[in-house]
Amino acid sequence: MQKERKFQRRTNRKGEDIAALAFLAPGIVGILLFFLFPFADTVRRSFYDARGRNFIGFEGYASVLDNSAFRLAAGNTARFIAICIPLLFLTSLIVALVVRAVRPHGKMLKTTYLLPMAVPVASIVLLWQVLFHQRGLMNTALSSLGAEPIDFMGSSAAFWVLVLTYLWKNSGYNMILWLAGLDGIRETLYEAARIDGANSWQCFRDVTLPGLLPTVGLVSILSLLNSFKVFREAYLVAGAYPHDSIYMLQHLFNNWFQNLDISRLCAAAVLLCGALLTIILLLQRIFVTRD
């Protein structure tokens, strides 16, 4: 009887494994065809010339690292990420705490902060032009106050316009992630802390923040990836060659692609992928896999 039961269990497990593979197969095939195989070809092309015939080794990588446009774009991208992600963390977490504190009216606040996600990129570009054009609303207001107009998109102010756009666009999305993390913290922990005499700040420091550590990792990774999507607005407003302060890696890749500089483009893409993968694995090790 025991042998029959073991055989039946093994048969059932094999059937479950086959069913699971059948359900996963379309997704796995899609990932292989549209992500892994093209990326493997990108890595291969980074070691060949633009036509993909002559092997050049690491010359493409050396050419990328020595390129002044690449250094400018990489520096701007790193600066943008270093400024935007901490600001986004702070603003979205504060908004999530406020929404959670006023729960009877929280649904209205959630909807309000999520509205920017529903705004099409073309509408955002139109809003930028209305607000920050040389004859836009911002310069009209400055002129009425007796101040000199500012060329927002043609000066270093363009960087801060891009930062504000990123914060406005992504704060609502991160707020939802923080709310999910806050809802995952057991209320009994707060009750025990209050019984021990902890005040609101001590509850936040000793209960809320430790409970949010896994959410910090998730929010960090998604914020990092979303920071590369701001290129759409910058490109539509300022074109392929904007002011130096907002010339990002995406601008550089787009221009190299238009010029068919495939070798350098592939090498730069591999370098960027390696940097992002390293950061994501580090964040996962620090936050996501931490109990």
C-alpha atoms as a PDB file:
ATOM      1  CA  MET A   1       0.000   0.000   0.000  1.00  0.00           C
ATOM      2  CA  GLN A   2       2.770   2.439   0.892  1.00  0.00           C
ATOM      3  CA  LYS A   3       4.520   1.824  -2.435  1.00  0.00           C
ATOM      4  CA  GLU A   4       1.261   2.434  -4.294  1.00  0.00           C
ATOM      5  CA  ARG A   5       0.698   5.696  -2.388  1.00  0.00           C
ATOM      6  CA  LYS A   6       4.236   6.891  -3.104  1.00  0.00           C
ATOM      7  CA  PHE A   7       3.811   6.030  -6.770  1.00  0.00           C
ATOM      8  CA  GLN A   8       0.481   7.891  -6.855  1.00  0.00           C
ATOM      9  CA  ARG A   9       2.078  10.961  -5.209  1.00  0.00           C
ATOM     10  CA  ARG A  10       4.911  10.961  -7.718  1.00  0.00           C
ATOM     11  CA  THR A  11       2.431  10.654 -10.583  1.00  0.00           C
ATOM     12  CA  ASN A  12       0.372  13.549  -9.219  1.00  0.00           C
ATOM     13  CA  ARG A  13       3.485  15.717  -8.803  1.00  0.00           C
ATOM     14  CA  LYS A  14       4.592  14.989 -12.356  1.00  0.00           C
ATOM     15  CA  GLY A  15       1.142  15.918 -13.613  1.00  0.00           C
ATOM     16  CA  GLU A  16       1.226  19.168 -11.630  1.00  0.00           C
ATOM     17  CA  ASP A  17       4.719  19.961 -12.945  1.00  0.00           C
ATOM     18  CA  ILE A  18       3.635  19.362 -16.525  1.00  0.00           C
ATOM     19  CA  ALA A  19       0.547  21.558 -16.044  1.00  0.00           C
ATOM     20  CA  ALA A  20       2.663  24.317 -14.498  1.00  0.00           C
ATOM     21  CA  LEU A  21       5.148  24.189 -17.394  1.00  0.00           C
ATOM     22  CA  ALA A  22       2.285  24.311 -19.879  1.00  0.00           C
ATOM     23  CA  PHE A  23       0.972  27.503 -18.282  1.00  0.00           C
ATOM     24  CA  LEU A  24       4.450  29.053 -18.026  1.00  0.00           C
ATOM     25  CA  ALA A  25       5.573  28.082 -21.526  1.00  0.00           C
ATOM     26  CA  PRO A  26       4.050  31.082 -23.407  1.00  0.00           C
ATOM     27  CA  GLY A  27       5.629  33.544 -20.998  1.00  0.00           C
ATOM     28  CA  ILE A  28       9.009  31.808 -21.089  1.00  0.00           C
ATOM     29  CA  VAL A  29       8.978  31.688 -24.891  1.00  0.00           C
ATOM     30  CA  GLY A  30       8.064  35.389 -25.026  1.00  0.00           C
ATOM     31  CA  ILE A  31      10.903  36.339 -22.653  1.00  0.00           C
ATOM     32  CA  LEU A  32      13.391  34.285 -24.667  1.00  0.00           C
ATOM     33  CA  LEU A  33      12.299  35.658 -28.041  1.00  0.00           C
ATOM     34  CA  PHE A  34      11.816  39.323 -27.156  1.00  0.00           C
ATOM     35  CA  PHE A  35      14.309  39.905 -24.304  1.00  0.00           C
ATOM     36  CA  LEU A  36      17.044  37.322 -23.732  1.00  0.00           C
ATOM     37  CA  PHE A  37      17.889  36.470 -27.358  1.00  0.00           C
ATOM     38  CA  PRO A  38      17.962  40.143 -28.480  1.00  0.00           C
ATOM     39  CA  PHE A  39      20.104  41.046 -25.469  1.00  0.00           C
ATOM     40  CA  ALA A  40      22.510  38.198 -26.224  1.00  0.00           C
ATOM     41  CA  ASP A  41      22.781  39.516 -29.783  1.00  0.00           C
ATOM     42  CA  THR A  42      23.419  43.022 -28.388  1.00  0.00           C
ATOM     43  CA  VAL A  43      26.297  41.672 -26.311  1.00  0.00           C
ATOM     44  CA  ARG A  44      27.706  39.907 -29.376  1.00  0.00           C
ATOM     45  CA  ARG A  45      27.399  43.029 -31.541  1.00  0.00           C
ATOM     46  CA  SER A  46      29.238  45.110 -28.943  1.00  0.00           C
ATOM     47  CA  PHE A  47      32.424  43.211 -29.875  1.00  0.00           C
ATOM     48  CA  TYR A  48      32.022  43.767 -33.628  1.00  0.00           C
ATOM     49  CA  ASP A  49      32.039  46.771 -35.912  1.00  0.00           C
ATOM     50  CA  ALA A  50      28.872  48.565 -37.052  1.00  0.00           C
ATOM     51  CA  ARG A  51      28.303  46.053 -39.870  1.00  0.00           C
ATOM     52  CA  GLY A  52      28.735  43.112 -37.500  1.00  0.00           C
ATOM     53  CA  ARG A  53      31.490  41.486 -39.555  1.00  0.00           C
ATOM     54  CA  ASN A  54      34.879  42.447 -38.108  1.00  0.00           C
ATOM     55  CA  PHE A  55      35.750  41.532 -34.530  1.00  0.00           C
ATOM     56  CA  ILE A  56      37.033  44.606 -32.641  1.00  0.00           C
ATOM     57  CA  GLY A  57      37.087  43.256 -29.076  1.00  0.00           C
ATOM     58  CA  PHE A  58      36.785  45.910 -26.375  1.00  0.00           C
ATOM     59  CA  GLU A  59      37.428  48.835 -28.714  1.00  0.00           C
ATOM     60  CA  GLY A  60      33.726  49.690 -28.698  1.00  0.00           C
ATOM     61  CA  TYR A  61      33.696  49.854 -24.892  1.00  0.00           C
ATOM     62  CA  ALA A  62      36.849  52.003 -24.845  1.00  0.00           C
ATOM     63  CA  SER A  63      35.297  54.309 -27.442  1.00  0.00           C
ATOM     64  CA  VAL A  64      32.168  54.693 -25.297  1.00  0.00           C
ATOM     65  CA  LEU A  65      34.065  55.471 -22.097  1.00  0.00           C
ATOM     66  CA  ASP A  66      36.275  58.004 -23.897  1.00  0.00           C
ATOM     67  CA  ASN A  67      33.302  59.747 -25.509  1.00  0.00           C
ATOM     68  CA  SER A  68      32.562  63.162 -23.978  1.00  0.00           C
ATOM     69  CA  ALA A  69      28.861  62.943 -24.873  1.00  0.00           C
ATOM     70  CA  PHE A  70      28.597  59.628 -23.020  1.00  0.00           C
ATOM     71  CA  ARG A  71      30.293  61.062 -19.930  1.00  0.00           C
ATOM     72  CA  LEU A  72      27.956  64.076 -20.002  1.00  0.00           C
ATOM     73  CA  ALA A  73      24.851  61.907 -20.425  1.00  0.00           C
ATOM     74  CA  ALA A  74      25.958  59.389 -17.779  1.00  0.00           C
ATOM     75  CA  GLY A  75      26.746  62.195 -15.315  1.00  0.00           C
ATOM     76  CA  ASN A  76      23.374  63.867 -15.889  1.00  0.00           C
ATOM     77  CA  THR A  77      21.544  60.551 -15.528  1.00  0.00           C
ATOM     78  CA  ALA A  78      23.392  59.699 -12.301  1.00  0.00           C
ATOM     79  CA  ARG A  79      22.712  63.186 -10.926  1.00  0.00           C
ATOM     80  CA  PHE A  80      19.045  62.937 -11.856  1.00  0.00           C
ATOM     81  CA  ILE A  81      18.684  59.550 -10.129  1.00  0.00           C
ATOM     82  CA  ALA A  82      20.634  60.645  -7.040  1.00  0.00           C
ATOM     83  CA  ILE A  83      18.374  63.679  -6.556  1.00  0.00           C
ATOM     84  CA  CYS A  84      15.009  62.318  -7.690  1.00  0.00           C
ATOM     85  CA  ILE A  85      14.823  58.986  -5.885  1.00  0.00           C
ATOM     86  CA  PRO A  86      15.431  60.339  -2.328  1.00  0.00           C
ATOM     87  CA  LEU A  87      12.978  63.189  -2.979  1.00  0.00           C
ATOM     88  CA  LEU A  88      10.428  60.746  -4.368  1.00  0.00           C
ATOM     89  CA  PHE A  89      10.901  58.477  -1.345  1.00  0.00           C
ATOM     90  CA  LEU A  90      10.287  61.337   1.068  1.00  0.00           C
ATOM     91  CA  THR A  91       7.315  62.938  -0.694  1.00  0.00           C
ATOM     92  CA  SER A  92       5.490  59.693  -1.499  1.00  0.00           C
ATOM     93  CA  LEU A  93       5.995  58.295   2.017  1.00  0.00           C
ATOM     94  CA  ILE A  94       4.683  61.512   3.590  1.00  0.00           C
ATOM     95  CA  VAL A  95       1.658  61.424   1.294  1.00  0.00           C
ATOM     96  CA  ALA A  96       1.029  57.747   2.154  1.00  0.00           C
ATOM     97  CA  LEU A  97       1.182  58.493   5.887  1.00  0.00           C
ATOM     98  CA  VAL A  98      -1.219  61.415   5.467  1.00  0.00           C
ATOM     99  CA  VAL A  99      -3.649  59.320   3.401  1.00  0.00           C
ATOM    100  CA  ARG A 100      -3.534  56.558   6.008  1.00  0.00           C
ATOM    101  CA  ALA A 101      -4.049  59.024   8.848  1.00  0.00           C
ATOM    102  CA  VAL A 102      -7.226  60.490   7.290  1.00  0.00           C
ATOM    103  CA  ARG A 103      -8.803  57.187   6.299  1.00  0.00           C
ATOM    104  CA  PRO A 104     -12.404  58.432   5.937  1.00  0.00           C
ATOM    105  CA  HIS A 105     -11.224  60.754   3.159  1.00  0.00           C
ATOM    106  CA  GLY A 106      -8.321  58.632   1.950  1.00  0.00           C
ATOM    107  CA  LYS A 107     -10.021  57.410  -1.227  1.00  0.00           C
ATOM    108  CA  MET A 108     -10.397  60.953  -2.541  1.00  0.00           C
ATOM    109  CA  LEU A 109      -6.728  61.710  -1.817  1.00  0.00           C
ATOM    110  CA  LYS A 110      -5.632  58.466  -3.496  1.00  0.00           C
ATOM    111  CA  THR A 111      -7.539  59.354  -6.620  1.00  0.00           C
ATOM    112  CA  THR A 112      -6.093  62.870  -6.647  1.00  0.00           C
ATOM    113  CA  TYR A 113      -2.504  61.688  -6.407  1.00  0.00           C
ATOM    114  CA  LEU A 114      -3.006  58.936  -8.976  1.00  0.00           C
ATOM    115  CA  LEU A 115      -4.378  61.292 -11.629  1.00  0.00           C
ATOM    116  CA  PRO A 116      -0.921  62.183 -13.055  1.00  0.00           C
ATOM    117  CA  MET A 117      -0.451  58.541 -14.060  1.00  0.00           C
ATOM    118  CA  ALA A 118      -3.534  58.769 -16.271  1.00  0.00           C
ATOM    119  CA  VAL A 119      -2.350  61.921 -18.056  1.00  0.00           C
ATOM    120  CA  PRO A 120      -0.941  61.100 -21.541  1.00  0.00           C
ATOM    121  CA  VAL A 121       2.617  62.144 -22.309  1.00  0.00           C
ATOM    122  CA  ALA A 122       1.424  64.483 -25.068  1.00  0.00           C
ATOM    123  CA  SER A 123      -0.736  66.336 -22.551  1.00  0.00           C
ATOM    124  CA  ILE A 124       2.208  66.687 -20.181  1.00  0.00           C
ATOM    125  CA  VAL A 125       4.282  68.166 -22.994  1.00  0.00           C
ATOM    126  CA  LEU A 126       1.519  70.661 -23.730  1.00  0.00           C
ATOM    127  CA  LEU A 127       1.395  71.548 -20.034  1.00  0.00           C
ATOM    128  CA  TRP A 128       5.162  72.086 -20.024  1.00  0.00           C
ATOM    129  CA  GLN A 129       4.921  74.432 -22.982  1.00  0.00           C
ATOM    130  CA  VAL A 130       2.106  76.425 -21.374  1.00  0.00           C
ATOM    131  CA  LEU A 131       3.941  76.750 -18.070  1.00  0.00           C
ATOM    132  CA  PHE A 132       7.628  76.995 -18.963  1.00  0.00           C
ATOM    133  CA  HIS A 133       7.748  78.571 -22.416  1.00  0.00           C
ATOM    134  CA  GLN A 134       9.574  81.903 -22.653  1.00  0.00           C
ATOM    135  CA  ARG A 135       6.145  83.502 -22.905  1.00  0.00           C
ATOM    136  CA  GLY A 136       4.400  80.934 -20.700  1.00  0.00           C
ATOM    137  CA  LEU A 137       2.527  81.329 -17.448  1.00  0.00           C
ATOM    138  CA  MET A 138       5.614  81.144 -15.217  1.00  0.00           C
ATOM    139  CA  ASN A 139       7.462  83.894 -17.073  1.00  0.00           C
ATOM    140  CA  THR A 140       4.293  85.976 -17.235  1.00  0.00           C
ATOM    141  CA  ALA A 141       4.017  85.734 -13.450  1.00  0.00           C
ATOM    142  CA  LEU A 142       7.699  86.635 -13.019  1.00  0.00           C
ATOM    143  CA  SER A 143       7.338  89.637 -15.316  1.00  0.00           C
ATOM    144  CA  SER A 144       4.319  90.864 -13.379  1.00  0.00           C
ATOM    145  CA  LEU A 145       6.431  90.762 -10.212  1.00  0.00           C
ATOM    146  CA  GLY A 146       9.191  92.772 -11.870  1.00  0.00           C
ATOM    147  CA  ALA A 147      11.607  89.826 -12.240  1.00  0.00           C
ATOM    148  CA  GLU A 148      13.486  88.864 -15.369  1.00  0.00           C
ATOM    149  CA  PRO A 149      11.974  86.039 -17.457  1.00  0.00           C
ATOM    150  CA  ILE A 150      13.783  82.696 -17.281  1.00  0.00           C
ATOM    151  CA  ASP A 151      14.486  80.465 -20.243  1.00  0.00           C
ATOM    152  CA  PHE A 152      13.424  77.338 -18.363  1.00  0.00           C
ATOM    153  CA  MET A 153      14.082  74.827 -21.133  1.00  0.00           C
ATOM    154  CA  GLY A 154      17.180  76.560 -22.497  1.00  0.00           C
ATOM    155  CA  SER A 155      19.122  76.903 -19.243  1.00  0.00           C
ATOM    156  CA  SER A 156      20.108  74.807 -16.233  1.00  0.00           C
ATOM    157  CA  ALA A 157      16.572  75.338 -14.906  1.00  0.00           C
ATOM    158  CA  ALA A 158      15.486  72.606 -17.353  1.00  0.00           C
ATOM    159  CA  PHE A 159      16.985  69.996 -15.022  1.00  0.00           C
ATOM    160  CA  TRP A 160      14.763  71.075 -12.126  1.00  0.00           C
ATOM    161  CA  VAL A 161      11.723  71.174 -14.387  1.00  0.00           C
ATOM    162  CA  LEU A 162      12.480  67.553 -15.269  1.00  0.00           C
ATOM    163  CA  VAL A 163      12.875  66.671 -11.584  1.00  0.00           C
ATOM    164  CA  LEU A 164       9.511  68.233 -10.711  1.00  0.00           C
ATOM    165  CA  THR A 165       7.859  66.387 -13.581  1.00  0.00           C
ATOM    166  CA  TYR A 166       9.267  63.068 -12.397  1.00  0.00           C
ATOM    167  CA  LEU A 167       8.073  63.675  -8.824  1.00  0.00           C
ATOM    168  CA  TRP A 168       4.630  64.780  -9.972  1.00  0.00           C
ATOM    169  CA  LYS A 169       4.261  61.787 -12.281  1.00  0.00           C
ATOM    170  CA  ASN A 170       5.450  59.048  -9.900  1.00  0.00           C
ATOM    171  CA  SER A 171       4.488  60.160  -6.383  1.00  0.00           C
ATOM    172  CA  GLY A 172       1.007  58.640  -6.608  1.00  0.00           C
ATOM    173  CA  TYR A 173       2.302  55.273  -7.813  1.00  0.00           C
ATOM    174  CA  ASN A 174       4.866  55.086  -5.006  1.00  0.00           C
ATOM    175  CA  MET A 175       2.207  56.168  -2.518  1.00  0.00           C
ATOM    176  CA  ILE A 176       0.207  53.021  -3.357  1.00  0.00           C
ATOM    177  CA  LEU A 177       3.299  50.876  -2.780  1.00  0.00           C
ATOM    178  CA  TRP A 178       3.947  52.523   0.590  1.00  0.00           C
ATOM    179  CA  LEU A 179       0.285  52.038   1.587  1.00  0.00           C
ATOM    180  CA  ALA A 180       0.554  48.341   0.773  1.00  0.00           C
ATOM    181  CA  GLY A 181       3.662  48.121   2.931  1.00  0.00           C
ATOM    182  CA  LEU A 182       1.977  49.998   5.789  1.00  0.00           C
ATOM    183  CA  ASP A 183      -1.056  47.708   5.635  1.00  0.00           C
ATOM    184  CA  GLY A 184       1.286  44.730   5.982  1.00  0.00           C
ATOM    185  CA  ILE A 185       2.463  45.874   9.430  1.00  0.00           C
ATOM    186  CA  ARG A 186       0.398  44.232  12.153  1.00  0.00           C
ATOM    187  CA  GLU A 187      -1.650  46.574  14.316  1.00  0.00           C
ATOM    188  CA  THR A 188      -0.751  44.512  17.388  1.00  0.00           C
ATOM    189  CA  LEU A 189       2.817  45.812  17.123  1.00  0.00           C
ATOM    190  CA  TYR A 190       1.582  49.386  17.470  1.00  0.00           C
ATOM    191  CA  GLU A 191      -0.675  48.424  20.372  1.00  0.00           C
ATOM    192  CA  ALA A 192       2.215  46.746  22.189  1.00  0.00           C
ATOM    193  CA  ALA A 193       4.438  49.789  21.601  1.00  0.00           C
ATOM    194  CA  ARG A 194       1.772  52.156  22.963  1.00  0.00           C
ATOM    195  CA  ILE A 195       1.300  49.971  26.038  1.00  0.00           C
ATOM    196  CA  ASP A 196       5.045  50.276  26.638  1.00  0.00           C
ATOM    197  CA  GLY A 197       4.679  54.055  26.535  1.00  0.00           C
ATOM    198  CA  ALA A 198       5.943  54.776  23.012  1.00  0.00           C
ATOM    199  CA  ASN A 199       4.822  58.043  21.418  1.00  0.00           C
ATOM    200  CA  SER A 200       3.951  58.565  17.741  1.00  0.00           C
ATOM    201  CA  TRP A 201       7.545  59.243  16.679  1.00  0.00           C
ATOM    202  CA  GLN A 202       8.863  56.200  18.545  1.00  0.00           C
ATOM    203  CA  CYS A 203       6.172  54.019  16.947  1.00  0.00           C
ATOM    204  CA  PHE A 204       7.190  55.291  13.531  1.00  0.00           C
ATOM    205  CA  ARG A 205      10.911  54.811  14.194  1.00  0.00           C
ATOM    206  CA  ASP A 206      10.755  51.408  15.911  1.00  0.00           C
ATOM    207  CA  VAL A 207       7.723  49.788  14.258  1.00  0.00           C
ATOM    208  CA  THR A 208       6.882  51.465  10.946  1.00  0.00           C
ATOM    209  CA  LEU A 209      10.363  51.918   9.488  1.00  0.00           C
ATOM    210  CA  PRO A 210      11.590  48.356  10.238  1.00  0.00           C
ATOM    211  CA  GLY A 211       8.324  46.982   8.846  1.00  0.00           C
ATOM    212  CA  LEU A 212       8.780  48.962   5.642  1.00  0.00           C
ATOM    213  CA  LEU A 213      12.253  47.638   4.794  1.00  0.00           C
ATOM    214  CA  PRO A 214      11.027  45.112   2.173  1.00  0.00           C
ATOM    215  CA  THR A 215       8.889  47.865   0.614  1.00  0.00           C
ATOM    216  CA  VAL A 216      11.923  50.166   0.512  1.00  0.00           C
ATOM    217  CA  GLY A 217      13.705  47.685  -1.749  1.00  0.00           C
ATOM    218  CA  LEU A 218      10.728  47.316  -4.069  1.00  0.00           C
ATOM    219  CA  VAL A 219      10.128  51.072  -4.256  1.00  0.00           C
ATOM    220  CA  SER A 220      13.844  51.664  -4.893  1.00  0.00           C
ATOM    221  CA  ILE A 221      13.951  49.259  -7.838  1.00  0.00           C
ATOM    222  CA  LEU A 222      10.744  50.533  -9.442  1.00  0.00           C
ATOM    223  CA  SER A 223      11.731  54.177  -8.921  1.00  0.00           C
ATOM    224  CA  LEU A 224      15.103  53.503 -10.528  1.00  0.00           C
ATOM    225  CA  LEU A 225      13.485  51.906 -13.576  1.00  0.00           C
ATOM    226  CA  ASN A 226      10.802  54.597 -13.841  1.00  0.00           C
ATOM    227  CA  SER A 227      13.456  57.322 -13.789  1.00  0.00           C
ATOM    228  CA  PHE A 228      14.463  56.291 -17.320  1.00  0.00           C
ATOM    229  CA  LYS A 229      10.941  56.902 -18.631  1.00  0.00           C
ATOM    230  CA  VAL A 230      11.185  60.659 -18.132  1.00  0.00           C
ATOM    231  CA  PHE A 231      13.100  60.787 -21.423  1.00  0.00           C
ATOM    232  CA  ARG A 232       9.810  60.840 -23.329  1.00  0.00           C
ATOM    233  CA  GLU A 233       8.807  64.242 -21.953  1.00  0.00           C
ATOM    234  CA  ALA A 234      12.307  65.704 -22.314  1.00  0.00           C
ATOM    235  CA  TYR A 235      12.582  64.498 -25.907  1.00  0.00           C
ATOM    236  CA  LEU A 236       9.170  65.776 -26.991  1.00  0.00           C
ATOM    237  CA  VAL A 237       9.725  69.201 -25.432  1.00  0.00           C
ATOM    238  CA  ALA A 238      13.405  69.868 -26.138  1.00  0.00           C
ATOM    239  CA  GLY A 239      14.191  67.512 -29.019  1.00  0.00           C
ATOM    240  CA  ALA A 240      17.149  65.203 -29.604  1.00  0.00           C
ATOM    241  CA  TYR A 241      19.714  67.807 -28.461  1.00  0.00           C
ATOM    242  CA  PRO A 242      18.299  69.595 -25.401  1.00  0.00           C
ATOM    243  CA  HIS A 243      20.181  71.764 -22.926  1.00  0.00           C
ATOM    244  CA  ASP A 244      23.280  70.053 -21.528  1.00  0.00           C
ATOM    245  CA  SER A 245      21.717  69.737 -18.061  1.00  0.00           C
ATOM    246  CA  ILE A 246      19.014  67.330 -19.327  1.00  0.00           C
ATOM    247  CA  TYR A 247      21.004  65.491 -21.985  1.00  0.00           C
ATOM    248  CA  MET A 248      20.432  61.943 -20.698  1.00  0.00           C
ATOM    249  CA  LEU A 249      21.663  58.522 -21.743  1.00  0.00           C
ATOM    250  CA  GLN A 250      18.411  57.965 -23.614  1.00  0.00           C
ATOM    251  CA  HIS A 251      19.133  61.026 -25.784  1.00  0.00           C
ATOM    252  CA  LEU A 252      22.590  59.681 -26.515  1.00  0.00           C
ATOM    253  CA  PHE A 253      21.305  56.210 -27.409  1.00  0.00           C
ATOM    254  CA  ASN A 254      18.623  57.669 -29.638  1.00  0.00           C
ATOM    255  CA  ASN A 255      21.160  59.819 -31.498  1.00  0.00           C
ATOM    256  CA  TRP A 256      23.617  56.953 -31.930  1.00  0.00           C
ATOM    257  CA  PHE A 257      20.802  54.785 -33.268  1.00  0.00           C
ATOM    258  CA  GLN A 258      19.816  57.450 -35.801  1.00  0.00           C
ATOM    259  CA  ASN A 259      23.455  57.680 -36.886  1.00  0.00           C
ATOM    260  CA  LEU A 260      23.657  53.848 -37.104  1.00  0.00           C
ATOM    261  CA  ASP A 261      26.563  53.790 -34.662  1.00  0.00           C
ATOM    262  CA  ILE A 262      25.542  50.280 -33.677  1.00  0.00           C
ATOM    263  CA  SER A 263      28.812  49.122 -32.132  1.00  0.00           C
ATOM    264  CA  ARG A 264      29.042  51.940 -29.599  1.00  0.00           C
ATOM    265  CA  LEU A 265      25.313  51.785 -28.987  1.00  0.00           C
ATOM    266  CA  CYS A 266      25.475  48.084 -28.107  1.00  0.00           C
ATOM    267  CA  ALA A 267      28.529  48.569 -25.902  1.00  0.00           C
ATOM    268  CA  ALA A 268      26.877  51.443 -24.020  1.00  0.00           C
ATOM    269  CA  ALA A 269      23.677  49.410 -23.609  1.00  0.00           C
ATOM    270  CA  VAL A 270      25.626  46.511 -22.109  1.00  0.00           C
ATOM    271  CA  LEU A 271      27.437  48.857 -19.712  1.00  0.00           C
ATOM    272  CA  LEU A 272      24.142  50.429 -18.638  1.00  0.00           C
ATOM    273  CA  CYS A 273      22.515  47.018 -18.193  1.00  0.00           C
ATOM    274  CA  GLY A 274      25.437  45.845 -16.075  1.00  0.00           C
ATOM    275  CA  ALA A 275      25.253  48.948 -13.867  1.00  0.00           C
ATOM    276  CA  LEU A 276      21.489  48.628 -13.377  1.00  0.00           C
ATOM    277  CA  LEU A 277      21.712  44.904 -12.676  1.00  0.00           C
ATOM    278  CA  THR A 278      24.405  45.494 -10.058  1.00  0.00           C
ATOM    279  CA  ILE A 279      22.345  48.166  -8.317  1.00  0.00           C
ATOM    280  CA  ILE A 280      19.161  46.062  -8.386  1.00  0.00           C
ATOM    281  CA  LEU A 281      20.919  42.969  -6.989  1.00  0.00           C
ATOM    282  CA  LEU A 282      22.476  45.103  -4.261  1.00  0.00           C
ATOM    283  CA  LEU A 283      19.086  46.581  -3.320  1.00  0.00           C
ATOM    284  CA  GLN A 284      17.527  43.131  -3.265  1.00  0.00           C
ATOM    285  CA  ARG A 285      20.275  41.838  -1.012  1.00  0.00           C
ATOM    286  CA  ILE A 286      19.931  44.757   1.400  1.00  0.00           C
ATOM    287  CA  PHE A 287      16.146  45.140   1.548  1.00  0.00           C
ATOM    288  CA  VAL A 288      14.015  42.627  -0.376  1.00  0.00           C
ATOM    289  CA  THR A 289      15.583  39.405   0.940  1.00  0.00           C
ATOM    290  CA  ARG A 290      15.886  40.783   4.434  1.00  0.00           C
ATOM    291  CA  ASP A 291      13.427  39.455   7.015  1.00  0.00           C
END
